[in-house]
């Protein structure tokens, strides 16, 4: 290898790394900008998504505006799947929101075309300067993060564009790249499907359709990739971005998996009919965008016209597909319900974490929402465990008793795993830049899961106590003792129901004094039964041994009541003086 060849090789490697670095910069900018926008929107974003979906049209508009506001269809889609998982949105509402999100995400393509068409690097550095000033002003930190995200986005786009043009400035590089893509030009349906597959796979690997859109625009604006091949990559990006939500939904419940599959089905149907009508549809896009497919790439305005044509195609595809399929939402719902059957009761019971997921485009706002729902699900599971203990108390059949006890033991192991997993997740979230309000929420949730897990420990301890009594086979509780235990357990179940109403609702509407009064009633009843137990043992109604087991269960119930109060205090931020 001569020195010239060696230098060329080194330069080629540097160009590749520059392309990858500019792509990483663009993705980081998109993520930072989206996170900042979500922080600015705050909890209102979730309330809007949950409230403004009264019919399919308002749902689509909501999805469109929310996605345009946060600049991330992935965030909107994942939030929608989480809402379906939590039962806050129906499947029909979720499908309409996801359709709207597809339209909202087209704004990103127009931002890309702006970066490709004009040299905006002169505005990037003032944005960095202003952003760093705002970041050091605590009250304006989120705005500073937003400016940094925008600046990184456009810096990445500018670098990507300049690197692309530097490649084609070299006659040898341009000839090699153009020759590669020219082999596939005018290749018919199979070649179109090949580029569609490439767009799908690349988007799936990168988990960012915006990044692949930027590469597509760069290739088309430099003239090395024909515009027809570019639009096939855009179609592939629309399919690839739906696979992310399907991967996330694998650990969710049936309805959430159906919502994610509806997203994939919706986009796949759109790609199918556009492929059938590609020539007239593409001609219409070129007409509206003022782009001539036979235009010479050497012309000065070719780059901006090519990028605008791709953005127009992206918008036209998603808007047309939504306007066409929004009338068939009930049919889409039936199809996905048929395709994804409900899980068996055993599979549902084997779940660990239902809401918490991970991904490259995750944001603190969405992460806190998922953790919030996971803690609520944890508390519901614990009440189910307590009801099993109540059932265990009166189970006479030995085989059924053993199965029920083993089931409670399984729930205890699940509770331990859930506490650790949620705590680890919250610890990861806390590493991000968070507002004081979000930090307070995370601290509260850490206390909640600790107290809920303590409820699970007490339930398991009660089950062990009942099991020891049964295995001893010496004495049984009197009818009066059974009545007292049932009454106490009913009070605990009432307190758990109140706790779960708070955990699954809004604390603004929760009457904390109901929980306060129930806890007082539990404490008074425990004191009454304690005195009664001493009196009954002295009067030889039952032995000291059975009286000890009886009071152990009563005291465990009272401790359960204390843990419930602690959960309520953590969620409401109040302190009860009992």
Protein backbone atom coordinates (compact mmCIF):
# COMPACT_ATOMS: atom_id res chain seq x y z
CA UNK A 1 0.00 0.00 0.00
CA UNK A 2 1.40 3.38 -1.03
CA UNK A 3 1.40 6.42 1.23
CA UNK A 4 -1.40 7.96 -0.80
CA UNK A 5 -3.59 4.85 -0.40
CA UNK A 6 -2.79 4.74 3.30
CA UNK A 7 -3.80 8.39 3.75
CA UNK A 8 -7.00 7.79 1.79
CA UNK A 9 -7.86 4.83 4.01
CA UNK A 10 -7.30 6.89 7.16
CA UNK A 11 -9.40 9.74 5.76
CA UNK A 12 -12.20 7.33 4.86
CA UNK A 13 -12.21 5.93 8.40
CA UNK A 14 -12.30 9.46 9.85
CA UNK A 15 -15.24 10.36 7.60
CA UNK A 16 -17.15 7.27 8.75
CA UNK A 17 -16.55 8.18 12.39
CA UNK A 18 -17.59 11.76 11.67
CA UNK A 19 -20.85 10.49 10.15
CA UNK A 20 -21.49 8.24 13.16
CA UNK A 21 -20.60 11.03 15.59
CA UNK A 22 -22.90 13.54 13.88
CA UNK A 23 -25.68 10.94 13.95
CA UNK A 24 -25.10 10.38 17.68
CA UNK A 25 -25.15 14.15 18.21
CA UNK A 26 -28.45 14.41 16.35
CA UNK A 27 -30.03 11.60 18.41
CA UNK A 28 -28.78 13.13 21.66
CA UNK A 29 -30.21 16.50 20.62
CA UNK A 30 -33.60 14.95 19.80
CA UNK A 31 -33.66 13.10 23.13
CA UNK A 32 -32.60 16.18 25.15
CA UNK A 33 -35.15 18.38 23.38
CA UNK A 34 -37.94 15.84 23.89
CA UNK A 35 -37.09 15.39 27.59
CA UNK A 36 -37.07 19.15 28.16
CA UNK A 37 -40.41 19.58 26.40
CA UNK A 38 -41.94 16.79 28.49
CA UNK A 39 -40.61 18.38 31.68
CA UNK A 40 -42.12 21.72 30.66
CA UNK A 41 -45.44 20.05 29.90
CA UNK A 42 -45.29 18.21 33.22
CA UNK A 43 -48.23 16.19 34.56
CA UNK A 44 -50.60 18.19 32.33
CA UNK A 45 -49.32 16.12 29.41
CA UNK A 46 -50.68 12.93 30.98
CA UNK A 47 -53.98 14.57 31.97
CA UNK A 48 -54.49 15.85 28.42
CA UNK A 49 -53.77 12.42 26.98
CA UNK A 50 -56.22 10.81 29.38
CA UNK A 51 -58.99 13.41 29.12
CA UNK A 52 -59.12 14.53 25.48
CA UNK A 53 -59.95 11.17 23.91
CA UNK A 54 -63.75 11.21 23.98
CA UNK A 55 -64.00 9.93 20.39
CA UNK A 56 -61.71 8.75 17.60
CA UNK A 57 -61.26 12.23 16.12
CA UNK A 58 -60.40 14.04 19.35
CA UNK A 59 -58.11 11.12 20.19
CA UNK A 60 -56.24 11.54 16.90
CA UNK A 61 -55.96 15.30 17.42
CA UNK A 62 -54.69 14.73 20.96
CA UNK A 63 -52.03 12.28 19.79
CA UNK A 64 -51.00 14.67 17.03
CA UNK A 65 -50.62 17.74 19.27
CA UNK A 66 -48.94 15.85 22.13
CA UNK A 67 -46.39 14.31 19.75
CA UNK A 68 -45.76 17.66 18.04
CA UNK A 69 -45.29 19.22 21.50
CA UNK A 70 -42.79 16.67 22.83
CA UNK A 71 -41.19 15.86 19.46
CA UNK A 72 -41.24 12.11 20.08
CA UNK A 73 -43.83 9.72 18.71
CA UNK A 74 -42.05 6.98 20.68
CA UNK A 75 -42.76 8.78 23.96
CA UNK A 76 -46.43 9.33 23.03
CA UNK A 77 -46.87 5.73 21.90
CA UNK A 78 -45.18 4.27 24.99
CA UNK A 79 -47.24 6.55 27.23
CA UNK A 80 -50.41 5.43 25.42
CA UNK A 81 -49.47 1.76 25.85
CA UNK A 82 -48.84 2.44 29.57
CA UNK A 83 -52.26 4.10 29.86
CA UNK A 84 -53.95 1.10 28.23
CA UNK A 85 -51.99 -1.19 30.54
CA UNK A 86 -53.28 0.80 33.50
CA UNK A 87 -56.86 0.80 32.22
CA UNK A 88 -56.91 4.61 31.79
CA UNK A 89 -57.53 4.38 28.05
CA UNK A 90 -59.62 1.89 26.10
CA UNK A 91 -58.14 0.10 23.12
CA UNK A 92 -60.24 2.20 20.71
CA UNK A 93 -59.00 5.44 22.30
CA UNK A 94 -55.40 4.23 22.19
CA UNK A 95 -55.60 3.39 18.47
CA UNK A 96 -56.88 6.89 17.65
CA UNK A 97 -54.14 8.53 19.77
CA UNK A 98 -51.45 6.45 18.03
CA UNK A 99 -52.86 7.46 14.63
CA UNK A 100 -52.56 11.09 15.66
CA UNK A 101 -49.02 10.50 16.94
CA UNK A 102 -48.04 9.33 13.44
CA UNK A 103 -49.11 12.72 12.07
CA UNK A 104 -47.46 14.67 14.89
CA UNK A 105 -44.10 13.03 14.29
CA UNK A 106 -44.00 14.39 10.73
CA UNK A 107 -43.08 17.78 12.21
CA UNK A 108 -39.68 16.28 13.00
CA UNK A 109 -39.10 15.61 9.30
CA UNK A 110 -39.83 19.26 8.51
CA UNK A 111 -37.30 20.34 11.15
CA UNK A 112 -34.81 18.00 9.45
CA UNK A 113 -35.53 19.53 6.04
CA UNK A 114 -34.93 22.99 7.52
CA UNK A 115 -31.52 21.85 8.78
CA UNK A 116 -30.70 20.27 5.41
CA UNK A 117 -31.84 23.24 3.36
CA UNK A 118 -30.16 26.11 5.18
CA UNK A 119 -26.86 26.65 6.95
CA UNK A 120 -28.04 27.32 10.49
CA UNK A 121 -24.74 26.59 12.23
CA UNK A 122 -24.34 30.32 12.92
CA UNK A 123 -27.37 30.18 15.21
CA UNK A 124 -26.22 27.03 17.03
CA UNK A 125 -23.44 28.59 19.09
CA UNK A 126 -25.52 31.53 20.40
CA UNK A 127 -28.10 28.89 21.45
CA UNK A 128 -25.38 27.02 23.36
CA UNK A 129 -24.27 30.24 25.05
CA UNK A 130 -27.79 31.24 26.05
CA UNK A 131 -28.59 27.67 27.09
CA UNK A 132 -25.66 27.40 29.52
CA UNK A 133 -26.68 30.69 31.16
CA UNK A 134 -30.25 29.44 31.64
CA UNK A 135 -29.07 26.05 32.94
CA UNK A 136 -27.21 27.81 35.80
CA UNK A 137 -30.44 29.71 36.58
CA UNK A 138 -32.40 27.05 38.46
CA UNK A 139 -35.80 28.43 37.51
CA UNK A 140 -34.94 28.42 33.79
CA UNK A 141 -32.93 25.20 33.70
CA UNK A 142 -35.47 23.27 31.62
CA UNK A 143 -35.51 26.02 28.97
CA UNK A 144 -31.71 25.83 28.89
CA UNK A 145 -31.88 22.04 28.42
CA UNK A 146 -34.33 22.61 25.55
CA UNK A 147 -32.00 25.10 23.84
CA UNK A 148 -29.08 22.71 24.24
CA UNK A 149 -31.16 19.92 22.70
CA UNK A 150 -32.16 22.09 19.72
CA UNK A 151 -28.56 23.27 19.28
CA UNK A 152 -27.19 19.72 19.38
CA UNK A 153 -29.90 18.61 16.94
CA UNK A 154 -29.03 21.24 14.36
CA UNK A 155 -25.29 20.88 14.94
CA UNK A 156 -25.64 17.16 14.26
CA UNK A 157 -27.71 17.85 11.14
CA UNK A 158 -25.24 20.46 9.87
CA UNK A 159 -22.26 18.16 10.47
CA UNK A 160 -24.09 15.26 8.82
CA UNK A 161 -24.90 17.42 5.78
CA UNK A 162 -21.36 18.82 5.48
CA UNK A 163 -19.83 15.35 5.81
CA UNK A 164 -22.21 14.02 3.16
CA UNK A 165 -21.35 16.82 0.77
CA UNK A 166 -17.62 16.36 1.45
CA UNK A 167 -18.01 12.74 0.35
CA UNK A 168 -19.57 13.67 -2.97
CA UNK A 169 -17.08 16.51 -3.49
CA UNK A 170 -14.52 13.80 -4.03
CA UNK A 171 -15.10 12.42 -7.58
CA UNK A 172 -13.92 8.94 -6.59
CA UNK A 173 -16.16 8.71 -3.50
CA UNK A 174 -19.18 10.10 -5.34
CA UNK A 175 -18.67 7.73 -8.24
CA UNK A 176 -18.36 4.70 -5.93
CA UNK A 177 -21.42 5.56 -3.81
CA UNK A 178 -23.54 6.56 -6.80
CA UNK A 179 -22.54 3.38 -8.64
CA UNK A 180 -23.65 1.30 -5.65
CA UNK A 181 -27.13 2.84 -5.49
CA UNK A 182 -27.44 3.04 -9.29
CA UNK A 183 -27.44 -0.75 -9.44
CA UNK A 184 -30.79 -0.75 -7.64
CA UNK A 185 -32.40 2.12 -9.56
CA UNK A 186 -35.50 1.24 -11.63
CA UNK A 187 -35.41 -2.28 -10.24
CA UNK A 188 -39.15 -2.61 -9.74
CA UNK A 189 -41.09 -3.93 -6.75
CA UNK A 190 -38.37 -6.20 -5.37
CA UNK A 191 -35.86 -3.35 -5.14
CA UNK A 192 -38.48 -1.12 -3.49
CA UNK A 193 -39.18 -3.85 -0.93
CA UNK A 194 -35.43 -4.20 -0.36
CA UNK A 195 -35.06 -0.50 0.54
CA UNK A 196 -38.23 -0.67 2.64
CA UNK A 197 -36.67 -3.55 4.59
CA UNK A 198 -33.43 -1.61 5.03
CA UNK A 199 -35.35 1.37 6.46
CA UNK A 200 -37.25 -0.94 8.83
CA UNK A 201 -34.15 -2.76 10.09
CA UNK A 202 -32.08 0.41 10.54
CA UNK A 203 -34.88 2.12 12.48
CA UNK A 204 -35.32 -0.96 14.65
CA UNK A 205 -31.59 -1.08 15.41
CA UNK A 206 -31.24 2.63 16.16
CA UNK A 207 -34.71 2.97 17.76
CA UNK A 208 -35.00 6.46 16.29
CA UNK A 209 -36.83 7.10 13.02
CA UNK A 210 -35.57 10.71 13.17
CA UNK A 211 -31.96 9.58 12.89
CA UNK A 212 -32.66 7.38 9.86
CA UNK A 213 -34.72 10.19 8.31
CA UNK A 214 -31.70 12.48 8.65
CA UNK A 215 -29.47 9.94 6.89
CA UNK A 216 -32.07 9.51 4.13
CA UNK A 217 -32.28 13.26 3.60
CA UNK A 218 -28.51 13.57 3.53
CA UNK A 219 -28.17 10.83 0.90
CA UNK A 220 -30.97 12.21 -1.26
CA UNK A 221 -29.94 15.86 -0.99
CA UNK A 222 -26.41 15.00 -2.16
CA UNK A 223 -27.82 13.13 -5.15
CA UNK A 224 -26.20 9.76 -4.43
CA UNK A 225 -29.56 8.19 -3.50
CA UNK A 226 -32.49 8.58 -5.87
CA UNK A 227 -35.59 10.16 -4.36
CA UNK A 228 -37.70 7.05 -5.13
CA UNK A 229 -35.33 4.92 -3.08
CA UNK A 230 -35.44 7.58 -0.36
CA UNK A 231 -39.22 7.42 -0.04
CA UNK A 232 -39.00 3.62 0.34
CA UNK A 233 -36.59 4.14 3.23
CA UNK A 234 -39.12 6.59 4.74
CA UNK A 235 -41.85 3.95 4.48
CA UNK A 236 -39.53 1.44 6.18
CA UNK A 237 -38.89 3.93 8.98
CA UNK A 238 -42.64 4.14 9.60
CA UNK A 239 -42.80 0.37 10.06
CA UNK A 240 -39.57 0.13 12.09
CA UNK A 241 -40.66 2.73 14.64
CA UNK A 242 -43.75 0.63 15.50
CA UNK A 243 -41.67 -2.39 16.47
CA UNK A 244 -40.21 -0.50 19.47
CA UNK A 245 -43.62 -0.24 21.17
CA UNK A 246 -44.31 -3.92 20.42
CA UNK A 247 -41.04 -4.96 22.08
CA UNK A 248 -41.89 -2.80 25.10
CA UNK A 249 -45.41 -4.27 25.29
CA UNK A 250 -44.16 -7.86 25.48
CA UNK A 251 -44.03 -7.56 29.27
CA UNK A 252 -47.38 -5.74 29.50
CA UNK A 253 -50.92 -7.03 29.75
CA UNK A 254 -53.11 -8.18 26.87
CA UNK A 255 -54.74 -4.83 26.10
CA UNK A 256 -51.39 -3.02 25.99
CA UNK A 257 -49.97 -5.62 23.60
CA UNK A 258 -53.04 -5.18 21.42
CA UNK A 259 -52.55 -1.40 21.34
CA UNK A 260 -48.91 -1.83 20.27
CA UNK A 261 -49.89 -4.40 17.64
CA UNK A 262 -52.57 -2.03 16.34
CA UNK A 263 -49.81 0.54 15.77
CA UNK A 264 -47.83 -1.97 13.70
CA UNK A 265 -50.94 -3.13 11.78
CA UNK A 266 -52.02 0.43 11.04
CA UNK A 267 -48.66 1.41 9.55
CA UNK A 268 -48.27 -1.91 7.71
CA UNK A 269 -51.64 -1.46 6.00
CA UNK A 270 -50.63 2.09 5.05
CA UNK A 271 -47.38 0.89 3.50
CA UNK A 272 -49.30 -1.80 1.57
CA UNK A 273 -51.77 0.56 -0.11
CA UNK A 274 -49.08 3.18 -0.80
CA UNK A 275 -46.97 0.53 -2.56
CA UNK A 276 -49.96 -0.30 -4.75
CA UNK A 277 -50.48 3.37 -5.62
CA UNK A 278 -46.84 4.42 -5.51
CA UNK A 279 -46.60 6.09 -8.95
CA UNK A 280 -49.63 8.42 -8.68
CA UNK A 281 -49.00 9.05 -4.96
CA UNK A 282 -45.35 9.93 -5.54
CA UNK A 283 -46.27 12.12 -8.52
CA UNK A 284 -48.76 14.01 -6.33
CA UNK A 285 -46.10 14.56 -3.65
CA UNK A 286 -43.61 15.86 -6.24
CA UNK A 287 -46.27 18.21 -7.61
CA UNK A 288 -47.11 19.68 -4.19
CA UNK A 289 -43.47 20.00 -3.10
CA UNK A 290 -42.33 21.44 -6.44
CA UNK A 291 -39.72 18.75 -6.93
CA UNK A 292 -38.76 17.25 -10.30
CA UNK A 293 -37.42 13.67 -9.97
CA UNK A 294 -35.32 14.24 -13.12
CA UNK A 295 -33.72 17.34 -11.63
CA UNK A 296 -29.91 17.53 -11.82
CA UNK A 297 -28.29 17.13 -8.37
CA UNK A 298 -25.71 19.73 -9.37
CA UNK A 299 -28.35 22.49 -9.31
CA UNK A 300 -28.04 24.89 -6.37
CA UNK A 301 -31.52 24.34 -4.93
CA UNK A 302 -31.55 20.56 -5.37
CA UNK A 303 -30.67 19.81 -1.70
CA UNK A 304 -33.51 21.81 -0.20
CA UNK A 305 -36.06 20.61 -2.77
CA UNK A 306 -35.12 16.97 -2.22
CA UNK A 307 -35.36 17.26 1.58
CA UNK A 308 -38.70 19.11 1.31
CA UNK A 309 -40.00 16.39 -1.03
CA UNK A 310 -39.11 13.69 1.55
CA UNK A 311 -40.76 15.65 4.38
CA UNK A 312 -43.85 16.17 2.19
CA UNK A 313 -44.00 12.45 1.38
CA UNK A 314 -43.70 11.59 5.08
CA UNK A 315 -46.54 13.98 6.00
CA UNK A 316 -48.74 12.98 3.04
CA UNK A 317 -48.36 9.27 3.85
CA UNK A 318 -49.25 9.58 7.54
CA UNK A 319 -52.09 12.09 7.04
CA UNK A 320 -53.64 10.06 4.18
CA UNK A 321 -53.29 6.80 6.10
CA UNK A 322 -54.95 8.30 9.18
CA UNK A 323 -57.81 9.87 7.20
CA UNK A 324 -58.40 6.54 5.47
CA UNK A 325 -58.16 4.15 8.42
CA UNK A 326 -59.69 6.28 11.19
CA UNK A 327 -63.11 5.10 9.94
CA UNK A 328 -62.08 1.47 10.46
CA UNK A 329 -60.93 1.67 14.09
CA UNK A 330 -63.64 -0.79 15.30
CA UNK A 331 -62.48 -3.29 12.66
CA UNK A 332 -58.82 -2.77 13.64
CA UNK A 333 -59.81 -3.38 17.27
CA UNK A 334 -61.53 -6.67 16.32
CA UNK A 335 -58.51 -7.77 14.30
CA UNK A 336 -55.95 -7.16 17.06
CA UNK A 337 -58.24 -8.80 19.63
CA UNK A 338 -58.41 -11.84 17.38
CA UNK A 339 -54.66 -11.82 16.74
CA UNK A 340 -53.65 -11.45 20.40
CA UNK A 341 -55.67 -13.71 22.66
CA UNK A 342 -55.99 -13.08 26.44
CA UNK A 343 -53.40 -14.74 28.61
CA UNK A 344 -54.29 -17.59 30.90
CA UNK A 345 -54.83 -16.82 34.62
CA UNK A 346 -51.53 -18.56 35.40
CA UNK A 347 -49.61 -16.32 32.95
CA UNK A 348 -51.23 -13.22 34.43
CA UNK A 349 -50.25 -14.34 37.92
CA UNK A 350 -46.63 -14.97 36.87
CA UNK A 351 -46.15 -11.33 35.93
CA UNK A 352 -43.45 -9.39 37.70
CA UNK A 353 -43.22 -5.82 36.45
CA UNK A 354 -46.14 -4.82 34.22
CA UNK A 355 -45.45 -1.16 33.46
CA UNK A 356 -41.72 -0.54 33.84
CA UNK A 357 -39.87 -0.80 30.55
CA UNK A 358 -36.61 0.46 29.11
CA UNK A 359 -35.42 1.99 25.88
CA UNK A 360 -33.11 4.55 24.33
CA UNK A 361 -35.85 7.19 24.06
CA UNK A 362 -37.11 6.90 27.64
CA UNK A 363 -37.61 10.16 29.54
CA UNK A 364 -37.88 10.95 33.27
CA UNK A 365 -41.52 12.09 32.98
CA UNK A 366 -42.59 8.81 31.37
CA UNK A 367 -40.35 6.80 33.71
CA UNK A 368 -41.97 8.33 36.81
CA UNK A 369 -45.42 7.58 35.36
CA UNK A 370 -44.47 3.94 34.80
CA UNK A 371 -43.01 3.59 38.29
CA UNK A 372 -46.14 5.20 39.76
CA UNK A 373 -48.33 2.63 37.99
CA UNK A 374 -46.05 -0.21 39.02
CA UNK A 375 -46.28 0.76 42.70
CA UNK A 376 -50.08 0.91 42.37
CA UNK A 377 -50.08 -2.55 40.79
CA UNK A 378 -47.83 -3.77 43.62
CA UNK A 379 -50.32 -2.59 46.26
CA UNK A 380 -53.24 -4.28 44.45
CA UNK A 381 -51.29 -7.54 44.35
CA UNK A 382 -50.61 -7.28 48.09
CA UNK A 383 -54.33 -6.91 48.87
CA UNK A 384 -54.94 -10.05 46.81
CA UNK A 385 -52.30 -11.79 48.94
CA UNK A 386 -54.00 -10.67 52.16
CA UNK A 387 -57.35 -12.04 50.96
CA UNK A 388 -55.66 -15.40 50.39
CA UNK A 389 -54.50 -15.34 54.02
CA UNK A 390 -58.08 -14.62 55.11
CA UNK A 391 -59.25 -17.56 53.00
CA UNK A 392 -56.48 -19.77 54.45
CA UNK A 393 -57.82 -19.15 57.96
CA UNK A 394 -61.00 -21.16 57.34
CA UNK A 395 -59.83 -23.66 54.71
CA UNK A 396 -60.59 -27.17 55.98
CA UNK A 397 -59.49 -29.29 53.00
CA UNK A 398 -55.82 -30.21 53.48
CA UNK A 399 -54.93 -30.31 49.77
CA UNK A 400 -56.56 -26.94 49.09
CA UNK A 401 -54.90 -25.54 52.21
CA UNK A 402 -51.46 -26.64 51.01
CA UNK A 403 -51.99 -25.20 47.50
CA UNK A 404 -53.21 -21.91 48.95
CA UNK A 405 -50.28 -21.66 51.36
CA UNK A 406 -47.82 -22.36 48.51
CA UNK A 407 -49.51 -19.65 46.47
CA UNK A 408 -49.07 -17.15 49.31
CA UNK A 409 -45.43 -18.18 49.56
CA UNK A 410 -45.07 -17.50 45.82
CA UNK A 411 -46.64 -14.06 46.25
CA UNK A 412 -44.13 -13.28 49.00
CA UNK A 413 -41.21 -14.07 46.67
CA UNK A 414 -42.80 -11.92 43.94
CA UNK A 415 -43.26 -9.05 46.41
CA UNK A 416 -39.57 -9.19 47.37
CA UNK A 417 -38.52 -9.17 43.70
CA UNK A 418 -40.90 -6.31 42.86
CA UNK A 419 -39.56 -4.14 45.67
CA UNK A 420 -35.96 -4.65 44.53
CA UNK A 421 -36.77 -4.14 40.82
CA UNK A 422 -38.82 -0.97 41.35
CA UNK A 423 -36.20 0.46 43.72
CA UNK A 424 -33.41 -0.21 41.21
CA UNK A 425 -35.46 1.41 38.45
CA UNK A 426 -36.17 4.50 40.57
CA UNK A 427 -32.49 4.69 41.41
CA UNK A 428 -31.68 4.76 37.66
CA UNK A 429 -34.31 7.44 37.03
CA UNK A 430 -32.95 9.59 39.88
CA UNK A 431 -29.61 9.82 38.04
CA UNK A 432 -31.25 12.05 35.41
CA UNK A 433 -31.74 15.82 35.73
CA UNK A 434 -35.02 16.03 37.65
CA UNK A 435 -37.16 18.80 39.04
CA UNK A 436 -37.61 19.09 42.83
CA UNK A 437 -41.21 17.90 42.44
CA UNK A 438 -40.14 14.75 40.57
CA UNK A 439 -37.40 14.04 43.14
CA UNK A 440 -40.01 14.26 45.90
CA UNK A 441 -42.23 11.80 44.00
CA UNK A 442 -39.35 9.32 43.72
CA UNK A 443 -38.58 9.59 47.45
CA UNK A 444 -42.26 9.00 48.22
CA UNK A 445 -42.41 5.95 45.93
CA UNK A 446 -39.32 4.44 47.54
CA UNK A 447 -41.02 4.70 50.92
CA UNK A 448 -44.27 3.30 49.50
CA UNK A 449 -42.69 0.16 48.06
CA UNK A 450 -40.84 -0.45 51.33
CA UNK A 451 -44.09 -0.24 53.34
CA UNK A 452 -46.07 -2.31 50.80
CA UNK A 453 -43.40 -5.00 50.91
CA UNK A 454 -43.68 -4.94 54.74
CA UNK A 455 -47.41 -5.62 54.33
CA UNK A 456 -46.48 -8.64 52.22
CA UNK A 457 -44.06 -9.84 54.92
CA UNK A 458 -46.78 -9.54 57.56
CA UNK A 459 -49.23 -11.45 55.37
CA UNK A 460 -46.72 -14.25 54.91
CA UNK A 461 -46.00 -14.28 58.65
CA UNK A 462 -49.74 -14.66 59.31
CA UNK A 463 -49.93 -17.53 56.81
CA UNK A 464 -47.01 -19.25 58.54
CA UNK A 465 -48.72 -18.82 61.92
CA UNK A 466 -51.95 -20.38 60.57
CA UNK A 467 -49.94 -23.19 58.95
CA UNK A 468 -48.15 -23.97 62.22
CA UNK A 469 -51.49 -24.18 64.01
CA UNK A 470 -52.90 -26.53 61.38
CA UNK A 471 -49.80 -28.72 61.34
CA UNK A 472 -49.91 -28.98 65.14
CA UNK A 473 -53.44 -30.45 64.95
CA UNK A 474 -53.86 -30.06 68.70
CA UNK A 475 -56.30 -27.21 69.18
CA UNK A 476 -58.65 -25.08 67.14
CA UNK A 477 -59.92 -21.55 67.54
CA UNK A 478 -63.30 -21.18 69.18
CA UNK A 479 -66.24 -19.84 67.15
CA UNK A 480 -65.91 -16.53 69.00
CA UNK A 481 -62.21 -16.29 68.14
CA UNK A 482 -63.01 -16.94 64.46
CA UNK A 483 -65.63 -14.17 64.55
CA UNK A 484 -63.13 -11.73 66.05
CA UNK A 485 -60.44 -12.67 63.50
CA UNK A 486 -62.87 -12.25 60.61
CA UNK A 487 -63.98 -8.88 61.94
CA UNK A 488 -60.37 -7.70 62.31
CA UNK A 489 -59.41 -8.98 58.85
CA UNK A 490 -62.43 -7.26 57.32
CA UNK A 491 -61.21 -3.99 58.85
CA UNK A 492 -57.75 -4.55 57.35
CA UNK A 493 -59.27 -5.36 53.96
CA UNK A 494 -61.28 -2.15 54.21
CA UNK A 495 -58.08 -0.20 54.95
CA UNK A 496 -56.31 -1.89 52.02
CA UNK A 497 -59.19 -0.97 49.71
CA UNK A 498 -58.94 2.66 50.83
CA UNK A 499 -55.18 2.56 50.24
CA UNK A 500 -55.63 1.19 46.72
CA UNK A 501 -58.28 3.80 45.93
CA UNK A 502 -55.62 6.37 46.73
CA UNK A 503 -52.85 4.55 44.85
CA UNK A 504 -54.94 4.16 41.69
CA UNK A 505 -56.69 7.54 41.81
CA UNK A 506 -55.83 11.17 42.38
CA UNK A 507 -54.80 12.15 45.88
CA UNK A 508 -56.69 15.45 45.53
CA UNK A 509 -59.98 13.55 45.76
CA UNK A 510 -58.95 11.17 48.55
CA UNK A 511 -60.41 11.65 52.02
CA UNK A 512 -57.43 10.86 54.25
CA UNK A 513 -59.63 10.93 57.37
CA UNK A 514 -61.40 7.73 56.27
CA UNK A 515 -58.08 5.91 56.50
CA UNK A 516 -57.35 7.70 59.79
CA UNK A 517 -60.68 6.55 61.30
CA UNK A 518 -60.21 2.97 60.10
CA UNK A 519 -56.76 2.83 61.74
CA UNK A 520 -58.19 4.12 65.03
CA UNK A 521 -60.91 1.46 64.82
CA UNK A 522 -58.27 -1.25 64.22
CA UNK A 523 -56.17 -0.09 67.19
CA UNK A 524 -59.18 0.09 69.53
CA UNK A 525 -60.40 -3.33 68.42
CA UNK A 526 -56.92 -4.81 68.99
CA UNK A 527 -56.85 -3.39 72.55
CA UNK A 528 -60.34 -4.72 73.21
CA UNK A 529 -59.45 -8.22 71.96
CA UNK A 530 -56.20 -8.20 73.94
CA UNK A 531 -58.08 -7.59 77.19
CA UNK A 532 -60.76 -10.12 76.20
CA UNK A 533 -58.08 -12.73 75.43
CA UNK A 534 -56.53 -12.43 78.92
CA UNK A 535 -59.99 -12.71 80.48
CA UNK A 536 -60.91 -15.81 78.40
CA UNK A 537 -57.62 -17.60 79.19
CA UNK A 538 -58.10 -16.95 82.91
CA UNK A 539 -61.63 -18.36 82.63
CA UNK A 540 -60.30 -21.47 80.80
CA UNK A 541 -62.30 -20.88 77.59
CA UNK A 542 -59.19 -21.98 75.68
CA UNK A 543 -55.57 -22.69 76.46
CA UNK A 544 -52.73 -20.21 76.72
CA UNK A 545 -51.12 -21.77 73.60
CA UNK A 546 -54.09 -21.18 71.28
CA UNK A 547 -54.58 -17.75 72.87
CA UNK A 548 -50.98 -16.86 71.96
CA UNK A 549 -51.49 -17.89 68.29
CA UNK A 550 -54.78 -15.98 68.22
CA UNK A 551 -53.18 -12.77 69.54
CA UNK A 552 -50.23 -13.19 67.18
CA UNK A 553 -52.67 -12.97 64.26
CA UNK A 554 -54.49 -10.01 65.82
CA UNK A 555 -51.21 -8.14 66.43
CA UNK A 556 -50.07 -8.90 62.87
CA UNK A 557 -53.28 -7.34 61.59
CA UNK A 558 -52.66 -4.25 63.72
CA UNK A 559 -49.12 -3.96 62.27
CA UNK A 560 -50.62 -4.24 58.81
CA UNK A 561 -52.81 -1.25 59.64
CA UNK A 562 -49.70 0.75 60.61
CA UNK A 563 -47.98 -0.08 57.33
CA UNK A 564 -51.10 0.96 55.40
CA UNK A 565 -51.10 4.32 57.19
CA UNK A 566 -47.42 4.76 56.27
CA UNK A 567 -48.22 4.15 52.59
CA UNK A 568 -51.05 6.71 52.71
CA UNK A 569 -48.77 9.24 54.40
CA UNK A 570 -46.09 8.73 51.75
CA UNK A 571 -48.53 9.13 48.86
CA UNK A 572 -50.41 12.15 50.25
CA UNK A 573 -47.43 13.84 51.88
CA UNK A 574 -49.35 14.20 55.16
CA UNK A 575 -48.60 13.01 58.67
CA UNK A 576 -51.33 11.34 60.72
CA UNK A 577 -51.21 11.79 64.47
CA UNK A 578 -52.72 8.65 65.91
